[in-house]
Amino acid sequence: MEKFSSYLVAWWKLSRVPFLTVGIFPLVLGFVVAWRWGYQGPFELYVLSTMAVILIMWMTYYLGDWNDLEGDRINEAFNQFSGGSRVLVNKVIPAWFSLFLGYGCLAGAILIGVYIYFRYQKDLRTLLLGGLGIFFGFFYSSRPFRWSYHGLGEILIGFCYGWLPVATGFFLFAGFFSPQIFLLSIPIGLSIFNVILINEFPDEEADRAIGKRNLVVRFGKERMGDLYIGLSMLIGFSFIKMIWGFGHPPFWLLALSAIPPFLLLWNLIQMWQGNYRHAKKLELLCRNTLLINLTMTVLLTLQQIVLSSHGGKTG
C-alpha cells in the first residue's frame, strides 16, 4: 500500500495536475462565451473536449520530462515551477514510463478528436484545432523540431494556451470564430508567455549546457527581464480593456479585477530591482506570474457569465 501511494504521488508530480488549469480555464472561457451567445451542446461534448485538452497537455508534460532529462539531471537551480517534475531525475519511476504515458495520451487525444469530428462537429476546422494542439505540443521538446530548444517554444505556448483553447471551446458549439475570442485571448496568451519566460530563468545554466537555445539562453536574463516588463504592461492594459470593454462591470467584479494588476505591479518592481537574481524572490516571481494568468482567465469568464445574466450577446 505504501509503495502504491508513493507511485501515485510520483504520477501526480509527473502529470503536473495543478498546472492543467492553464489549459482548462481558457477552454471553459470559450464554452462560456458560446453559451452567452446562445450556443450550447450535449454535456458529453464538454467532457470529451476537456479530456482531449488534458491529454494533449499530459502528452506535452510527459514527453517534456523524457526529452529534458539530461538538462534536469544537472540543474541545481530549479524551483517548484521549473526544472521538470524531478520524478525521473530522482528515479522514482523508470524514465521509459514517461515516454509510454506520453504516447498513450497522444493516441487518446487523437481518438477523442476524431470521435468529436464524426459525432458532433463535422467541420475540418475541428480537426485542425485539435491537430495544431497535438502537433505543437508533441514537438515542443521532441525531435526534429524541438520548439523549446530553438526560441520558438515560448511563442507557441502563448498561442496554444491563449487563443487556441478559447477558440476551440467557442468553435465546438458555435461553429465559427469571433473577433471577440481573439481579443479575450490577448491577455491570456501574453501572460502564459511570461509564465514560460520567467520559468526559464532558474534553468538558464542547465539549458545552456545541453544546447537548449530558448529565449533566456539566447539573449540573457537582463534583456529577457526587459521583455517581461514590457509584456507585463501590455497584459495589464489589455486585461483592463477587456474588463471594461463590454460595459460597466459590477463592483464585486471590479474589486476582484484589481488582483492581476496588483500582482503585475509587484512583479514589475521585483524585475526592475533585479530580484530575479535571488532564488527565493525568483520563485515568487514564477508563482505570481502563474497566478496572474489564472486569475485573469477566471475573471474574464465571470465577466462573460455576468454579461449573459444581463442578456448581452454581442461584443
Foldseek 3Di string as FASTA:
>chain_A
DVLVVLVVVLVCLLLVVVVLLLQLLLLVLLQLLLVLQPFDDDPVVNVLVSLLSSLLSLLLSLVVCLLCVQLLLPQPLADSLASHSCSCNVCSDDSVVSVVSNVVSLVSSVVSLVCLCVPANVDVVSVVLSVLSNVCSNLCCDPDCVCQQAARNLLSQLCNSFLSSSQNSNCSGPVDGDVVSVLLRLLLSLLVSLLVLLNCLSSQVSSVVVRRDHPCVVPNDLVSLVVSLVSLVVSLVSLVCLLPVPHDDDPVLVVLSVLLVVLSVVLNVCSVVVVCVPSVVSVVSSVSSVVSSSSSSVSSSVSSVVCSVVSDNDD
